[in-house]
Amino acid sequence: MKEEFLEAKVKSIIEQLRPYLQQDGGDIEFVELTEDNIVKVKLQGACGSCPHAKMTLKQGVESAIKEYLPQITSVEDVILDF
């Protein structure tokens, strides 16, 4: 799958997930897709400071993306990525 096509699919899935995060006062922004298929995102609003953000990211966002795009290695928050 071409990198541009894969990135477009990732962005599409993130856009579908955004309303669920927005219901809780949060949001998510796509940052980049790395060469090794790691999706970098930025959690915003309530999600940026929520103690459950890592769980939301891994069990919610990452699992949804990997369900449709198994070649994705992981999804990481650029803020949590110290």
N, C-alpha and C. Protein backbone atom coordinates (compact mmCIF):
# COMPACT_ATOMS: atom_id res chain seq x y z
N MET A 1 0.85 -1.18 0.00
CA MET A 1 0.00 0.00 0.00
C MET A 1 0.89 1.23 0.00
N LYS A 2 0.65 2.13 -0.92
CA LYS A 2 1.48 3.33 -0.99
C LYS A 2 1.34 4.17 0.27
N GLU A 3 2.44 4.83 0.61
CA GLU A 3 2.49 5.61 1.85
C GLU A 3 1.41 6.70 1.89
N GLU A 4 1.18 7.40 0.77
CA GLU A 4 0.18 8.47 0.74
C GLU A 4 -1.22 7.90 0.97
N PHE A 5 -1.48 6.72 0.36
CA PHE A 5 -2.78 6.08 0.52
C PHE A 5 -2.97 5.63 1.96
N LEU A 6 -1.93 5.06 2.55
CA LEU A 6 -2.00 4.60 3.94
C LEU A 6 -2.24 5.79 4.87
N GLU A 7 -1.54 6.88 4.63
CA GLU A 7 -1.73 8.08 5.46
C GLU A 7 -3.16 8.60 5.33
N ALA A 8 -3.70 8.60 4.14
CA ALA A 8 -5.08 9.06 3.93
C ALA A 8 -6.07 8.18 4.67
N LYS A 9 -5.83 6.87 4.68
CA LYS A 9 -6.71 5.95 5.40
C LYS A 9 -6.63 6.19 6.90
N VAL A 10 -5.42 6.41 7.42
CA VAL A 10 -5.24 6.69 8.85
C VAL A 10 -6.00 7.96 9.22
N LYS A 11 -5.84 9.02 8.42
CA LYS A 11 -6.53 10.28 8.68
C LYS A 11 -8.04 10.09 8.67
N SER A 12 -8.53 9.29 7.76
CA SER A 12 -9.96 9.02 7.66
C SER A 12 -10.49 8.35 8.93
N ILE A 13 -9.76 7.37 9.42
CA ILE A 13 -10.17 6.67 10.65
C ILE A 13 -10.14 7.63 11.83
N ILE A 14 -9.11 8.45 11.92
CA ILE A 14 -9.02 9.43 13.01
C ILE A 14 -10.20 10.39 12.96
N GLU A 15 -10.57 10.83 11.76
CA GLU A 15 -11.72 11.74 11.63
C GLU A 15 -13.01 11.07 12.12
N GLN A 16 -13.14 9.78 11.91
CA GLN A 16 -14.32 9.05 12.36
C GLN A 16 -14.33 8.90 13.89
N LEU A 17 -13.15 8.89 14.51
CA LEU A 17 -13.05 8.74 15.96
C LEU A 17 -13.21 10.07 16.70
N ARG A 18 -12.93 11.16 16.04
CA ARG A 18 -12.94 12.48 16.69
C ARG A 18 -14.24 12.80 17.43
N PRO A 19 -15.42 12.54 16.85
CA PRO A 19 -16.66 12.88 17.57
C PRO A 19 -16.79 12.19 18.93
N TYR A 20 -16.27 10.99 19.05
CA TYR A 20 -16.33 10.27 20.33
C TYR A 20 -15.46 10.95 21.38
N LEU A 21 -14.29 11.41 20.97
CA LEU A 21 -13.41 12.12 21.90
C LEU A 21 -13.97 13.50 22.23
N GLN A 22 -14.58 14.14 21.23
CA GLN A 22 -15.14 15.47 21.44
C GLN A 22 -16.32 15.45 22.40
N GLN A 23 -17.03 14.33 22.46
CA GLN A 23 -18.14 14.21 23.41
C GLN A 23 -17.66 14.35 24.86
N ASP A 24 -16.42 13.97 25.10
CA ASP A 24 -15.85 14.05 26.45
C ASP A 24 -14.95 15.27 26.62
N GLY A 25 -15.04 16.21 25.68
CA GLY A 25 -14.26 17.45 25.79
C GLY A 25 -12.85 17.35 25.26
N GLY A 26 -12.55 16.29 24.55
CA GLY A 26 -11.21 16.11 24.01
C GLY A 26 -11.19 16.19 22.49
N ASP A 27 -10.06 15.92 21.93
CA ASP A 27 -9.91 15.89 20.48
C ASP A 27 -8.59 15.21 20.14
N ILE A 28 -8.41 14.92 18.87
CA ILE A 28 -7.18 14.27 18.41
C ILE A 28 -6.80 14.89 17.07
N GLU A 29 -5.51 15.07 16.87
CA GLU A 29 -5.00 15.65 15.63
C GLU A 29 -3.92 14.73 15.07
N PHE A 30 -4.01 14.40 13.79
CA PHE A 30 -2.97 13.62 13.11
C PHE A 30 -1.73 14.49 12.98
N VAL A 31 -0.56 13.93 13.29
CA VAL A 31 0.70 14.67 13.16
C VAL A 31 1.52 14.10 12.01
N GLU A 32 1.79 12.79 12.05
CA GLU A 32 2.58 12.19 10.97
C GLU A 32 2.47 10.67 10.99
N LEU A 33 2.83 10.08 9.87
CA LEU A 33 2.99 8.64 9.74
C LEU A 33 4.46 8.41 9.45
N THR A 34 5.16 7.73 10.35
CA THR A 34 6.60 7.53 10.17
C THR A 34 6.87 6.42 9.15
N GLU A 35 8.12 6.32 8.74
CA GLU A 35 8.52 5.30 7.76
C GLU A 35 8.30 3.89 8.28
N ASP A 36 8.34 3.72 9.62
CA ASP A 36 8.12 2.39 10.20
C ASP A 36 6.68 2.20 10.66
N ASN A 37 5.76 2.96 10.02
CA ASN A 37 4.31 2.83 10.23
C ASN A 37 3.84 3.09 11.66
N ILE A 38 4.46 4.07 12.30
CA ILE A 38 3.98 4.55 13.60
C ILE A 38 3.19 5.82 13.33
N VAL A 39 1.98 5.85 13.84
CA VAL A 39 1.12 7.02 13.68
C VAL A 39 1.36 7.94 14.88
N LYS A 40 1.74 9.17 14.60
CA LYS A 40 1.95 10.17 15.65
C LYS A 40 0.72 11.08 15.66
N VAL A 41 0.14 11.24 16.83
CA VAL A 41 -1.03 12.10 17.00
C VAL A 41 -0.81 13.04 18.17
N LYS A 42 -1.67 14.04 18.27
CA LYS A 42 -1.64 14.96 19.40
C LYS A 42 -3.02 14.94 20.03
N LEU A 43 -3.09 14.48 21.27
CA LEU A 43 -4.35 14.52 22.00
C LEU A 43 -4.53 15.94 22.53
N GLN A 44 -5.76 16.45 22.39
CA GLN A 44 -6.02 17.84 22.75
C GLN A 44 -7.19 17.95 23.71
N GLY A 45 -7.37 19.14 24.24
CA GLY A 45 -8.49 19.40 25.15
C GLY A 45 -8.39 18.52 26.38
N ALA A 46 -9.54 17.99 26.80
CA ALA A 46 -9.58 17.15 27.99
C ALA A 46 -8.70 15.91 27.83
N CYS A 47 -8.55 15.43 26.61
CA CYS A 47 -7.72 14.24 26.37
C CYS A 47 -6.25 14.51 26.64
N GLY A 48 -5.83 15.74 26.44
CA GLY A 48 -4.43 16.08 26.66
C GLY A 48 -4.00 16.01 28.11
N SER A 49 -4.95 16.22 29.02
CA SER A 49 -4.61 16.22 30.44
C SER A 49 -5.27 15.08 31.22
N CYS A 50 -6.00 14.23 30.54
CA CYS A 50 -6.73 13.15 31.20
C CYS A 50 -5.77 12.05 31.64
N PRO A 51 -5.93 11.54 32.86
CA PRO A 51 -5.07 10.45 33.32
C PRO A 51 -5.31 9.15 32.55
N HIS A 52 -6.41 9.06 31.85
CA HIS A 52 -6.72 7.86 31.07
C HIS A 52 -6.35 8.01 29.60
N ALA A 53 -5.63 9.06 29.25
CA ALA A 53 -5.30 9.35 27.86
C ALA A 53 -4.52 8.20 27.21
N LYS A 54 -3.57 7.63 27.93
CA LYS A 54 -2.78 6.54 27.36
C LYS A 54 -3.66 5.34 27.06
N MET A 55 -4.61 5.04 27.93
CA MET A 55 -5.53 3.93 27.71
C MET A 55 -6.43 4.22 26.51
N THR A 56 -6.96 5.45 26.42
CA THR A 56 -7.79 5.84 25.29
C THR A 56 -7.00 5.69 24.00
N LEU A 57 -5.76 6.12 24.04
CA LEU A 57 -4.92 6.07 22.85
C LEU A 57 -4.67 4.64 22.40
N LYS A 58 -4.28 3.77 23.32
CA LYS A 58 -3.92 2.40 22.97
C LYS A 58 -5.14 1.50 22.74
N GLN A 59 -6.10 1.52 23.67
CA GLN A 59 -7.24 0.62 23.56
C GLN A 59 -8.32 1.15 22.64
N GLY A 60 -8.36 2.46 22.45
CA GLY A 60 -9.38 3.05 21.59
C GLY A 60 -8.86 3.34 20.20
N VAL A 61 -8.02 4.35 20.10
CA VAL A 61 -7.53 4.83 18.81
C VAL A 61 -6.66 3.79 18.11
N GLU A 62 -5.64 3.29 18.81
CA GLU A 62 -4.73 2.33 18.18
C GLU A 62 -5.45 1.06 17.74
N SER A 63 -6.30 0.52 18.60
CA SER A 63 -6.98 -0.72 18.23
C SER A 63 -7.93 -0.51 17.05
N ALA A 64 -8.58 0.65 16.97
CA ALA A 64 -9.47 0.93 15.84
C ALA A 64 -8.68 1.04 14.53
N ILE A 65 -7.54 1.73 14.58
CA ILE A 65 -6.73 1.88 13.37
C ILE A 65 -6.16 0.54 12.95
N LYS A 66 -5.62 -0.23 13.90
CA LYS A 66 -5.00 -1.51 13.56
C LYS A 66 -6.03 -2.55 13.08
N GLU A 67 -7.28 -2.39 13.48
CA GLU A 67 -8.33 -3.30 13.01
C GLU A 67 -8.48 -3.20 11.49
N TYR A 68 -8.39 -1.98 10.96
CA TYR A 68 -8.53 -1.77 9.52
C TYR A 68 -7.20 -1.72 8.79
N LEU A 69 -6.15 -1.37 9.49
CA LEU A 69 -4.82 -1.23 8.89
C LEU A 69 -3.80 -1.97 9.75
N PRO A 70 -3.76 -3.30 9.64
CA PRO A 70 -2.88 -4.09 10.51
C PRO A 70 -1.39 -3.81 10.32
N GLN A 71 -1.01 -3.16 9.24
CA GLN A 71 0.40 -2.84 9.02
C GLN A 71 0.87 -1.68 9.89
N ILE A 72 -0.05 -0.99 10.56
CA ILE A 72 0.33 0.08 11.48
C ILE A 72 0.96 -0.56 12.73
N THR A 73 2.14 -0.08 13.09
CA THR A 73 2.89 -0.62 14.22
C THR A 73 2.30 -0.18 15.55
N SER A 74 2.08 1.13 15.69
CA SER A 74 1.51 1.66 16.92
C SER A 74 1.01 3.08 16.67
N VAL A 75 0.28 3.60 17.65
CA VAL A 75 -0.18 4.98 17.64
C VAL A 75 0.38 5.63 18.90
N GLU A 76 1.06 6.76 18.73
CA GLU A 76 1.71 7.42 19.86
C GLU A 76 1.34 8.89 19.90
N ASP A 77 1.17 9.39 21.11
CA ASP A 77 0.88 10.80 21.33
C ASP A 77 2.22 11.54 21.39
N VAL A 78 2.36 12.56 20.60
CA VAL A 78 3.63 13.31 20.61
C VAL A 78 3.87 14.01 21.93
N ILE A 79 2.81 14.30 22.68
CA ILE A 79 2.96 14.94 23.99
C ILE A 79 3.43 13.91 25.03
N LEU A 80 2.91 12.68 24.95
CA LEU A 80 3.29 11.64 25.91
C LEU A 80 4.63 11.00 25.57
N ASP A 81 5.16 11.33 24.41
CA ASP A 81 6.36 10.69 23.86
C ASP A 81 7.61 11.41 24.32
N PHE A 82 8.00 11.28 25.58
CA PHE A 82 9.17 11.98 26.11
C PHE A 82 10.43 11.19 25.90
